[in-house]
């Protein structure tokens, strides 16, 4: 894939990888820096569980795709059905890749390594954005309304499980052993 052959929308998708990685990394500390603000806790990790760390991709990916569409749709041709299919694919792949990669390496090697955890965030975002790019190019698309409903449902689940998480390992804080935001 040559950079000069890419459309502006495709460049935006690929440019998202380092930006989303930086924003996601910064979000790791946002809840603590906010003084443990409950509203911030809905979108930023509130503990060290694998589930909560999935929030490092949640809002950044949604906003990255949505903001570009909102500000550029009148300035350049964007097939909105393909765009939102790409956005949903990017988010879904990123959200699935993080726990799968984490549990694969911790299960295979029996230990957790910080730099590998950080690399997993980068890899999950990269896989998500590349999948989103593929969907933008080749998918038939999805109704923007359907994509909006899917995003709303995903956001609702993250909010719900921040306050009322299931008591399974995916949601367990590796440091305190607790679950969610409330004691």
N, C-alpha and C. Protein backbone atom coordinates (compact mmCIF):
# COMPACT_ATOMS: atom_id res chain seq x y z
N UNK A 1 0.86 -1.17 0.00
CA UNK A 1 0.00 0.00 0.00
C UNK A 1 0.91 1.24 0.00
N UNK A 2 0.75 2.06 -1.01
CA UNK A 2 1.55 3.27 -1.12
C UNK A 2 0.79 4.44 -0.55
N UNK A 3 1.48 5.29 0.21
CA UNK A 3 0.85 6.42 0.86
C UNK A 3 0.26 7.41 -0.14
N UNK A 4 0.95 7.59 -1.28
CA UNK A 4 0.46 8.58 -2.25
C UNK A 4 -0.82 8.12 -2.94
N UNK A 5 -1.13 6.83 -2.89
CA UNK A 5 -2.34 6.30 -3.50
C UNK A 5 -3.54 6.30 -2.56
N UNK A 6 -3.32 6.71 -1.32
CA UNK A 6 -4.40 6.70 -0.34
C UNK A 6 -5.26 7.95 -0.45
N UNK A 7 -6.56 7.80 -0.22
CA UNK A 7 -7.46 8.94 -0.15
C UNK A 7 -7.29 9.60 1.21
N UNK A 8 -7.81 10.83 1.33
CA UNK A 8 -7.69 11.56 2.59
C UNK A 8 -8.34 10.81 3.75
N UNK A 9 -9.48 10.18 3.49
CA UNK A 9 -10.14 9.43 4.56
C UNK A 9 -9.28 8.25 5.02
N UNK A 10 -8.62 7.61 4.07
CA UNK A 10 -7.77 6.47 4.41
C UNK A 10 -6.53 6.91 5.19
N UNK A 11 -6.00 8.06 4.82
CA UNK A 11 -4.86 8.61 5.58
C UNK A 11 -5.28 8.93 7.00
N UNK A 12 -6.50 9.48 7.15
CA UNK A 12 -7.02 9.80 8.48
C UNK A 12 -7.11 8.54 9.35
N UNK A 13 -7.61 7.47 8.76
CA UNK A 13 -7.75 6.21 9.51
C UNK A 13 -6.39 5.73 9.99
N UNK A 14 -5.41 5.73 9.11
CA UNK A 14 -4.07 5.26 9.48
C UNK A 14 -3.37 6.23 10.43
N UNK A 15 -3.59 7.53 10.25
CA UNK A 15 -3.00 8.52 11.16
C UNK A 15 -3.56 8.36 12.56
N UNK A 16 -4.71 7.74 12.66
CA UNK A 16 -5.32 7.52 13.97
C UNK A 16 -4.53 6.59 14.86
N UNK A 17 -3.74 5.72 14.29
CA UNK A 17 -3.04 4.71 15.10
C UNK A 17 -2.15 5.36 16.17
N UNK A 18 -1.19 6.22 15.82
CA UNK A 18 -0.37 6.81 16.89
C UNK A 18 -1.14 7.78 17.78
N UNK A 19 -2.10 8.49 17.20
CA UNK A 19 -2.89 9.45 18.00
C UNK A 19 -3.74 8.70 19.01
N UNK A 20 -4.43 7.66 18.56
CA UNK A 20 -5.26 6.87 19.46
C UNK A 20 -4.42 6.19 20.53
N UNK A 21 -3.23 5.76 20.17
CA UNK A 21 -2.33 5.14 21.15
C UNK A 21 -1.94 6.16 22.23
N UNK A 22 -1.60 7.37 21.81
CA UNK A 22 -1.22 8.41 22.78
C UNK A 22 -2.40 8.78 23.68
N UNK A 23 -3.56 8.98 23.07
CA UNK A 23 -4.74 9.35 23.85
C UNK A 23 -5.15 8.22 24.78
N UNK A 24 -5.16 6.99 24.26
CA UNK A 24 -5.50 5.84 25.09
C UNK A 24 -4.54 5.67 26.25
N UNK A 25 -3.27 5.86 26.00
CA UNK A 25 -2.28 5.76 27.08
C UNK A 25 -2.52 6.81 28.15
N UNK A 26 -2.82 8.03 27.72
CA UNK A 26 -3.09 9.11 28.67
C UNK A 26 -4.37 8.84 29.47
N UNK A 27 -5.34 8.20 28.83
CA UNK A 27 -6.60 7.92 29.51
C UNK A 27 -6.42 6.97 30.70
N UNK A 28 -5.32 6.22 30.70
CA UNK A 28 -5.07 5.30 31.80
C UNK A 28 -5.05 6.05 33.14
N UNK A 29 -4.63 7.29 33.12
CA UNK A 29 -4.47 8.06 34.35
C UNK A 29 -5.59 9.07 34.59
N UNK A 30 -6.51 9.18 33.66
CA UNK A 30 -7.53 10.23 33.71
C UNK A 30 -8.45 10.14 34.93
N UNK A 31 -8.86 8.97 35.30
CA UNK A 31 -9.77 8.80 36.45
C UNK A 31 -9.09 9.27 37.74
N UNK A 32 -7.87 8.87 37.94
CA UNK A 32 -7.13 9.31 39.15
C UNK A 32 -6.92 10.81 39.13
N UNK A 33 -6.50 11.36 37.99
CA UNK A 33 -6.25 12.80 37.89
C UNK A 33 -7.52 13.63 38.04
N UNK A 34 -8.67 13.04 37.75
CA UNK A 34 -9.94 13.77 37.88
C UNK A 34 -10.46 13.78 39.32
N UNK A 35 -9.71 13.20 40.22
CA UNK A 35 -10.17 13.11 41.60
C UNK A 35 -11.23 12.03 41.76
N UNK A 36 -11.14 10.99 40.91
CA UNK A 36 -12.08 9.87 40.90
C UNK A 36 -13.51 10.32 40.61
N UNK A 37 -13.63 11.18 39.61
CA UNK A 37 -14.92 11.67 39.15
C UNK A 37 -15.70 10.51 38.52
N UNK A 38 -16.92 10.28 38.98
CA UNK A 38 -17.72 9.16 38.50
C UNK A 38 -18.02 9.23 37.00
N UNK A 39 -18.27 10.43 36.50
CA UNK A 39 -18.54 10.59 35.07
C UNK A 39 -17.31 10.21 34.24
N UNK A 40 -16.15 10.64 34.68
CA UNK A 40 -14.90 10.27 33.99
C UNK A 40 -14.69 8.76 34.08
N UNK A 41 -15.07 8.17 35.20
CA UNK A 41 -14.92 6.73 35.40
C UNK A 41 -15.72 5.89 34.42
N UNK A 42 -16.75 6.46 33.84
CA UNK A 42 -17.52 5.71 32.84
C UNK A 42 -16.67 5.49 31.58
N UNK A 43 -15.79 6.44 31.28
CA UNK A 43 -15.03 6.39 30.03
C UNK A 43 -13.55 6.09 30.20
N UNK A 44 -13.04 6.17 31.42
CA UNK A 44 -11.62 5.91 31.67
C UNK A 44 -11.51 4.77 32.69
N UNK A 45 -10.44 3.99 32.64
CA UNK A 45 -10.30 2.87 33.56
C UNK A 45 -10.34 3.31 35.03
N UNK A 46 -11.13 2.60 35.83
CA UNK A 46 -11.25 2.91 37.25
C UNK A 46 -10.45 1.93 38.10
N UNK A 47 -9.94 0.86 37.49
CA UNK A 47 -9.10 -0.09 38.21
C UNK A 47 -8.20 -0.81 37.20
N UNK A 48 -7.52 -1.83 37.66
CA UNK A 48 -6.54 -2.52 36.82
C UNK A 48 -7.08 -3.81 36.19
N UNK A 49 -8.41 -3.90 36.02
CA UNK A 49 -8.97 -5.09 35.38
C UNK A 49 -8.78 -5.01 33.87
N UNK A 50 -8.84 -6.17 33.23
CA UNK A 50 -8.73 -6.23 31.77
C UNK A 50 -9.91 -5.48 31.14
N UNK A 51 -11.09 -5.65 31.69
CA UNK A 51 -12.29 -4.96 31.17
C UNK A 51 -12.09 -3.45 31.20
N UNK A 52 -11.67 -2.93 32.34
CA UNK A 52 -11.51 -1.48 32.47
C UNK A 52 -10.45 -0.95 31.52
N UNK A 53 -9.43 -1.74 31.25
CA UNK A 53 -8.40 -1.29 30.32
C UNK A 53 -8.89 -1.26 28.87
N UNK A 54 -9.99 -1.93 28.61
CA UNK A 54 -10.59 -1.84 27.28
C UNK A 54 -11.11 -0.43 27.00
N UNK A 55 -11.35 0.33 28.07
CA UNK A 55 -11.80 1.71 27.90
C UNK A 55 -10.73 2.58 27.24
N UNK A 56 -9.50 2.11 27.22
CA UNK A 56 -8.43 2.88 26.59
C UNK A 56 -8.65 3.01 25.08
N UNK A 57 -9.47 2.13 24.51
CA UNK A 57 -9.79 2.23 23.09
C UNK A 57 -11.22 2.73 22.85
N UNK A 58 -12.10 2.56 23.79
CA UNK A 58 -13.52 2.81 23.60
C UNK A 58 -13.84 4.21 23.09
N UNK A 59 -13.69 5.20 23.91
CA UNK A 59 -14.06 6.56 23.53
C UNK A 59 -13.12 7.15 22.47
N UNK A 60 -11.80 6.94 22.57
CA UNK A 60 -10.94 7.50 21.53
C UNK A 60 -11.30 7.01 20.12
N UNK A 61 -11.57 5.73 19.96
CA UNK A 61 -11.90 5.20 18.63
C UNK A 61 -13.23 5.77 18.14
N UNK A 62 -14.23 5.77 19.00
CA UNK A 62 -15.54 6.31 18.59
C UNK A 62 -15.40 7.77 18.17
N UNK A 63 -14.71 8.55 18.99
CA UNK A 63 -14.57 9.98 18.68
C UNK A 63 -13.73 10.21 17.43
N UNK A 64 -12.68 9.44 17.24
CA UNK A 64 -11.80 9.60 16.08
C UNK A 64 -12.61 9.47 14.79
N UNK A 65 -13.41 8.45 14.71
CA UNK A 65 -14.19 8.20 13.50
C UNK A 65 -15.34 9.19 13.37
N UNK A 66 -16.03 9.44 14.45
CA UNK A 66 -17.20 10.33 14.41
C UNK A 66 -16.81 11.77 14.10
N UNK A 67 -15.75 12.28 14.72
CA UNK A 67 -15.34 13.67 14.50
C UNK A 67 -14.91 13.91 13.06
N UNK A 68 -14.19 12.97 12.48
CA UNK A 68 -13.79 13.14 11.09
C UNK A 68 -15.02 13.23 10.20
N UNK A 69 -15.95 12.33 10.42
CA UNK A 69 -17.16 12.37 9.61
C UNK A 69 -17.93 13.67 9.82
N UNK A 70 -18.08 14.10 11.05
CA UNK A 70 -18.84 15.30 11.36
C UNK A 70 -18.24 16.55 10.71
N UNK A 71 -16.92 16.63 10.68
CA UNK A 71 -16.27 17.84 10.18
C UNK A 71 -15.87 17.78 8.71
N UNK A 72 -15.82 16.59 8.13
CA UNK A 72 -15.33 16.48 6.75
C UNK A 72 -16.38 16.01 5.75
N UNK A 73 -17.54 15.60 6.21
CA UNK A 73 -18.54 15.03 5.28
C UNK A 73 -18.97 15.99 4.20
N UNK A 74 -18.96 17.30 4.48
CA UNK A 74 -19.37 18.28 3.47
C UNK A 74 -18.21 18.71 2.58
N UNK A 75 -16.99 18.39 2.96
CA UNK A 75 -15.82 18.84 2.22
C UNK A 75 -15.25 17.78 1.27
N UNK A 76 -15.60 16.53 1.51
CA UNK A 76 -15.11 15.47 0.65
C UNK A 76 -16.11 14.33 0.63
N UNK A 77 -16.08 13.55 -0.43
CA UNK A 77 -17.06 12.46 -0.51
C UNK A 77 -16.72 11.33 0.47
N UNK A 78 -17.67 11.06 1.34
CA UNK A 78 -17.51 9.96 2.28
C UNK A 78 -18.79 9.12 2.18
N UNK A 79 -18.63 7.86 1.87
CA UNK A 79 -19.77 6.95 1.86
C UNK A 79 -20.10 6.65 3.32
N UNK A 80 -21.15 7.26 3.84
CA UNK A 80 -21.41 7.16 5.28
C UNK A 80 -21.72 5.74 5.73
N UNK A 81 -22.33 4.93 4.88
CA UNK A 81 -22.60 3.55 5.27
C UNK A 81 -21.29 2.77 5.43
N UNK A 82 -20.36 2.97 4.50
CA UNK A 82 -19.07 2.30 4.62
C UNK A 82 -18.25 2.89 5.78
N UNK A 83 -18.34 4.20 5.96
CA UNK A 83 -17.59 4.87 7.02
C UNK A 83 -17.98 4.32 8.39
N UNK A 84 -19.29 4.23 8.62
CA UNK A 84 -19.73 3.76 9.93
C UNK A 84 -19.54 2.25 10.10
N UNK A 85 -19.55 1.51 9.00
CA UNK A 85 -19.18 0.09 9.08
C UNK A 85 -17.71 -0.02 9.49
N UNK A 86 -16.87 0.83 8.92
CA UNK A 86 -15.47 0.85 9.30
C UNK A 86 -15.27 1.25 10.75
N UNK A 87 -16.01 2.24 11.19
CA UNK A 87 -15.90 2.69 12.59
C UNK A 87 -16.29 1.58 13.55
N UNK A 88 -17.39 0.90 13.26
CA UNK A 88 -17.85 -0.17 14.13
C UNK A 88 -16.89 -1.35 14.10
N UNK A 89 -16.37 -1.66 12.93
CA UNK A 89 -15.38 -2.74 12.81
C UNK A 89 -14.12 -2.40 13.58
N UNK A 90 -13.65 -1.17 13.47
CA UNK A 90 -12.45 -0.75 14.18
C UNK A 90 -12.63 -0.90 15.69
N UNK A 91 -13.75 -0.41 16.19
CA UNK A 91 -14.00 -0.50 17.63
C UNK A 91 -14.12 -1.95 18.08
N UNK A 92 -14.87 -2.74 17.34
CA UNK A 92 -15.09 -4.14 17.73
C UNK A 92 -13.78 -4.92 17.74
N UNK A 93 -12.99 -4.77 16.71
CA UNK A 93 -11.71 -5.51 16.63
C UNK A 93 -10.77 -5.06 17.75
N UNK A 94 -10.69 -3.75 17.99
CA UNK A 94 -9.82 -3.24 19.06
C UNK A 94 -10.26 -3.77 20.42
N UNK A 95 -11.57 -3.74 20.67
CA UNK A 95 -12.09 -4.20 21.96
C UNK A 95 -11.89 -5.70 22.16
N UNK A 96 -11.97 -6.46 21.09
CA UNK A 96 -11.76 -7.90 21.21
C UNK A 96 -10.28 -8.27 21.26
N UNK A 97 -9.46 -7.55 20.53
CA UNK A 97 -8.03 -7.88 20.47
C UNK A 97 -7.34 -7.68 21.82
N UNK A 98 -7.73 -6.64 22.55
CA UNK A 98 -7.04 -6.37 23.82
C UNK A 98 -7.11 -7.54 24.79
N UNK A 99 -8.30 -8.02 25.17
CA UNK A 99 -8.31 -9.14 26.12
C UNK A 99 -7.78 -10.44 25.52
N UNK A 100 -8.02 -10.67 24.23
CA UNK A 100 -7.52 -11.90 23.63
C UNK A 100 -5.99 -11.95 23.66
N UNK A 101 -5.36 -10.86 23.29
CA UNK A 101 -3.89 -10.81 23.31
C UNK A 101 -3.35 -10.89 24.74
N UNK A 102 -4.02 -10.19 25.65
CA UNK A 102 -3.58 -10.20 27.05
C UNK A 102 -3.65 -11.61 27.63
N UNK A 103 -4.81 -12.26 27.49
CA UNK A 103 -4.97 -13.59 28.06
C UNK A 103 -4.11 -14.62 27.34
N UNK A 104 -3.84 -14.42 26.06
CA UNK A 104 -2.96 -15.33 25.35
C UNK A 104 -1.55 -15.29 25.93
N UNK A 105 -0.99 -14.08 26.06
CA UNK A 105 0.40 -14.04 26.51
C UNK A 105 0.54 -14.34 28.01
N UNK A 106 -0.42 -13.91 28.83
CA UNK A 106 -0.30 -14.23 30.26
C UNK A 106 -0.54 -15.71 30.50
N UNK A 107 -1.42 -16.31 29.70
CA UNK A 107 -1.65 -17.75 29.83
C UNK A 107 -0.46 -18.56 29.31
N UNK A 108 0.14 -18.09 28.23
CA UNK A 108 1.25 -18.82 27.63
C UNK A 108 2.53 -18.71 28.46
N UNK A 109 2.77 -17.53 29.04
CA UNK A 109 4.03 -17.32 29.75
C UNK A 109 3.88 -17.24 31.26
N UNK A 110 2.66 -17.18 31.74
CA UNK A 110 2.42 -17.21 33.18
C UNK A 110 2.81 -15.96 33.92
N UNK A 111 3.03 -14.87 33.22
CA UNK A 111 3.35 -13.62 33.90
C UNK A 111 2.86 -12.43 33.09
N UNK A 112 2.77 -11.32 33.78
CA UNK A 112 2.34 -10.07 33.15
C UNK A 112 3.54 -9.13 33.08
N UNK A 113 3.72 -8.50 31.91
CA UNK A 113 4.87 -7.62 31.69
C UNK A 113 4.32 -6.28 31.19
N UNK A 114 4.66 -5.20 31.87
CA UNK A 114 4.10 -3.88 31.56
C UNK A 114 4.33 -3.48 30.11
N UNK A 115 5.53 -3.64 29.59
CA UNK A 115 5.78 -3.19 28.21
C UNK A 115 4.99 -4.01 27.20
N UNK A 116 4.69 -5.26 27.52
CA UNK A 116 3.86 -6.07 26.64
C UNK A 116 2.42 -5.57 26.70
N UNK A 117 1.94 -5.21 27.88
CA UNK A 117 0.59 -4.64 28.02
C UNK A 117 0.45 -3.37 27.18
N UNK A 118 1.47 -2.54 27.21
CA UNK A 118 1.46 -1.30 26.43
C UNK A 118 1.48 -1.63 24.93
N UNK A 119 2.29 -2.59 24.56
CA UNK A 119 2.35 -3.03 23.16
C UNK A 119 1.01 -3.59 22.70
N UNK A 120 0.30 -4.26 23.59
CA UNK A 120 -1.02 -4.81 23.25
C UNK A 120 -1.98 -3.69 22.90
N UNK A 121 -1.94 -2.58 23.63
CA UNK A 121 -2.80 -1.44 23.29
C UNK A 121 -2.49 -0.97 21.87
N UNK A 122 -1.23 -0.80 21.55
CA UNK A 122 -0.83 -0.36 20.21
C UNK A 122 -1.27 -1.37 19.15
N UNK A 123 -1.06 -2.63 19.41
CA UNK A 123 -1.41 -3.68 18.46
C UNK A 123 -2.93 -3.76 18.27
N UNK A 124 -3.69 -3.67 19.35
CA UNK A 124 -5.15 -3.72 19.25
C UNK A 124 -5.68 -2.55 18.43
N UNK A 125 -5.15 -1.36 18.68
CA UNK A 125 -5.57 -0.19 17.91
C UNK A 125 -5.18 -0.32 16.43
N UNK A 126 -3.99 -0.82 16.18
CA UNK A 126 -3.53 -1.01 14.80
C UNK A 126 -4.42 -2.00 14.07
N UNK A 127 -4.70 -3.13 14.70
CA UNK A 127 -5.58 -4.12 14.08
C UNK A 127 -6.97 -3.53 13.83
N UNK A 128 -7.48 -2.78 14.80
CA UNK A 128 -8.79 -2.17 14.65
C UNK A 128 -8.84 -1.17 13.51
N UNK A 129 -7.85 -0.29 13.44
CA UNK A 129 -7.84 0.72 12.38
C UNK A 129 -7.66 0.07 11.00
N UNK A 130 -6.81 -0.93 10.91
CA UNK A 130 -6.63 -1.61 9.63
C UNK A 130 -7.91 -2.34 9.20
N UNK A 131 -8.59 -2.93 10.16
CA UNK A 131 -9.86 -3.58 9.85
C UNK A 131 -10.90 -2.53 9.44
N UNK A 132 -10.92 -1.39 10.15
CA UNK A 132 -11.82 -0.30 9.78
C UNK A 132 -11.54 0.20 8.38
N UNK A 133 -10.28 0.33 8.03
CA UNK A 133 -9.89 0.75 6.68
C UNK A 133 -10.40 -0.25 5.64
N UNK A 134 -10.23 -1.52 5.94
CA UNK A 134 -10.71 -2.56 5.03
C UNK A 134 -12.23 -2.45 4.84
N UNK A 135 -12.96 -2.26 5.92
CA UNK A 135 -14.42 -2.14 5.82
C UNK A 135 -14.81 -0.90 5.03
N UNK A 136 -14.07 0.19 5.22
CA UNK A 136 -14.37 1.41 4.45
C UNK A 136 -14.18 1.19 2.96
N UNK A 137 -13.24 0.38 2.60
CA UNK A 137 -12.96 0.12 1.19
C UNK A 137 -13.91 -0.91 0.58
N UNK A 138 -14.18 -1.99 1.30
CA UNK A 138 -14.80 -3.14 0.66
C UNK A 138 -16.17 -3.55 1.20
N UNK A 139 -16.59 -3.05 2.32
CA UNK A 139 -17.88 -3.48 2.88
C UNK A 139 -19.04 -2.84 2.13
N UNK A 140 -20.19 -3.46 2.21
CA UNK A 140 -21.40 -2.86 1.65
C UNK A 140 -21.84 -1.70 2.52
N UNK A 141 -21.49 -1.76 3.78
CA UNK A 141 -21.83 -0.68 4.70
C UNK A 141 -22.91 -1.07 5.68
N UNK A 142 -23.21 -0.14 6.55
CA UNK A 142 -24.22 -0.32 7.58
C UNK A 142 -24.93 1.01 7.75
N UNK A 143 -26.16 0.93 8.10
CA UNK A 143 -26.92 2.15 8.34
C UNK A 143 -26.26 2.94 9.47
N UNK A 144 -26.05 4.25 9.29
CA UNK A 144 -25.48 5.05 10.37
C UNK A 144 -26.32 4.96 11.65
N UNK A 145 -27.63 4.81 11.49
CA UNK A 145 -28.50 4.66 12.66
C UNK A 145 -28.20 3.36 13.40
N UNK A 146 -28.02 2.29 12.65
CA UNK A 146 -27.70 1.01 13.26
C UNK A 146 -26.34 1.07 13.96
N UNK A 147 -25.37 1.72 13.31
CA UNK A 147 -24.05 1.88 13.94
C UNK A 147 -24.18 2.71 15.21
N UNK A 148 -24.99 3.78 15.16
CA UNK A 148 -25.19 4.62 16.34
C UNK A 148 -25.81 3.84 17.48
N UNK A 149 -26.76 2.98 17.16
CA UNK A 149 -27.38 2.14 18.20
C UNK A 149 -26.36 1.17 18.77
N UNK A 150 -25.53 0.58 17.92
CA UNK A 150 -24.48 -0.34 18.39
C UNK A 150 -23.50 0.39 19.30
N UNK A 151 -23.07 1.59 18.90
CA UNK A 151 -22.16 2.37 19.75
C UNK A 151 -22.81 2.70 21.09
N UNK A 152 -24.08 3.09 21.06
CA UNK A 152 -24.80 3.43 22.29
C UNK A 152 -24.91 2.21 23.21
N UNK A 153 -25.17 1.05 22.64
CA UNK A 153 -25.26 -0.17 23.44
C UNK A 153 -23.91 -0.52 24.07
N UNK A 154 -22.85 -0.39 23.29
CA UNK A 154 -21.51 -0.67 23.82
C UNK A 154 -21.17 0.31 24.95
N UNK A 155 -21.44 1.59 24.73
CA UNK A 155 -21.19 2.59 25.77
C UNK A 155 -22.02 2.30 27.02
N UNK A 156 -23.27 1.90 26.82
CA UNK A 156 -24.13 1.57 27.96
C UNK A 156 -23.56 0.40 28.75
N UNK A 157 -23.09 -0.64 28.05
CA UNK A 157 -22.51 -1.79 28.75
C UNK A 157 -21.27 -1.40 29.55
N UNK A 158 -20.44 -0.54 28.96
CA UNK A 158 -19.26 -0.10 29.71
C UNK A 158 -19.66 0.69 30.94
N UNK A 159 -20.66 1.55 30.82
CA UNK A 159 -21.13 2.32 31.97
C UNK A 159 -21.71 1.38 33.03
N UNK A 160 -22.56 0.47 32.60
CA UNK A 160 -23.19 -0.47 33.53
C UNK A 160 -22.14 -1.30 34.27
N UNK A 161 -21.19 -1.86 33.52
CA UNK A 161 -20.19 -2.72 34.13
C UNK A 161 -19.13 -1.96 34.92
N UNK A 162 -19.11 -0.64 34.78
CA UNK A 162 -18.25 0.16 35.65
C UNK A 162 -18.80 0.14 37.06
N UNK A 163 -20.11 0.17 37.16
CA UNK A 163 -20.76 0.23 38.47
C UNK A 163 -21.24 -1.14 38.97
N UNK A 164 -21.60 -2.02 38.07
CA UNK A 164 -22.14 -3.35 38.45
C UNK A 164 -21.48 -4.44 37.61
N UNK A 165 -20.19 -4.67 37.78
CA UNK A 165 -19.53 -5.67 36.94
C UNK A 165 -19.82 -7.10 37.42
N UNK A 166 -19.84 -8.03 36.47
CA UNK A 166 -19.94 -9.44 36.88
C UNK A 166 -18.68 -9.83 37.65
N UNK A 167 -18.81 -10.74 38.57
CA UNK A 167 -17.66 -11.16 39.37
C UNK A 167 -16.97 -12.35 38.71
N UNK A 168 -16.32 -12.03 37.59
CA UNK A 168 -15.52 -13.01 36.86
C UNK A 168 -14.15 -12.38 36.61
N UNK A 169 -13.14 -13.19 36.31
CA UNK A 169 -11.77 -12.66 36.20
C UNK A 169 -11.59 -11.47 35.27
N UNK A 170 -12.30 -11.41 34.17
CA UNK A 170 -12.17 -10.32 33.21
C UNK A 170 -12.40 -8.96 33.86
N UNK A 171 -13.24 -8.92 34.89
CA UNK A 171 -13.63 -7.67 35.55
C UNK A 171 -12.90 -7.45 36.88
N UNK A 172 -12.07 -8.39 37.30
CA UNK A 172 -11.40 -8.32 38.60
C UNK A 172 -10.17 -7.44 38.53
N UNK A 173 -10.08 -6.49 39.47
CA UNK A 173 -8.91 -5.62 39.58
C UNK A 173 -7.72 -6.46 40.03
N UNK A 174 -6.68 -6.49 39.22
CA UNK A 174 -5.51 -7.30 39.52
C UNK A 174 -4.76 -6.82 40.76
N UNK A 175 -4.93 -5.56 41.15
CA UNK A 175 -4.21 -5.01 42.29
C UNK A 175 -5.00 -5.21 43.58
N UNK A 176 -6.25 -4.75 43.60
CA UNK A 176 -7.04 -4.79 44.85
C UNK A 176 -7.88 -6.05 44.98
N UNK A 177 -8.14 -6.73 43.87
CA UNK A 177 -9.03 -7.88 43.91
C UNK A 177 -10.49 -7.51 43.86
N UNK A 178 -10.78 -6.22 43.79
CA UNK A 178 -12.16 -5.75 43.77
C UNK A 178 -12.72 -5.72 42.35
N UNK A 179 -13.95 -5.25 42.28
CA UNK A 179 -14.65 -5.17 41.00
C UNK A 179 -15.30 -3.80 40.85
N UNK A 180 -15.14 -3.20 39.67
CA UNK A 180 -15.84 -1.96 39.36
C UNK A 180 -15.39 -0.77 40.18
N UNK A 181 -16.26 0.24 40.18
CA UNK A 181 -15.92 1.53 40.78
C UNK A 181 -16.41 1.66 42.23
N UNK A 182 -17.47 0.94 42.55
CA UNK A 182 -18.04 1.05 43.88
C UNK A 182 -17.52 -0.06 44.77
N UNK A 183 -17.35 0.23 46.07
CA UNK A 183 -16.84 -0.82 46.97
C UNK A 183 -17.84 -1.95 47.17
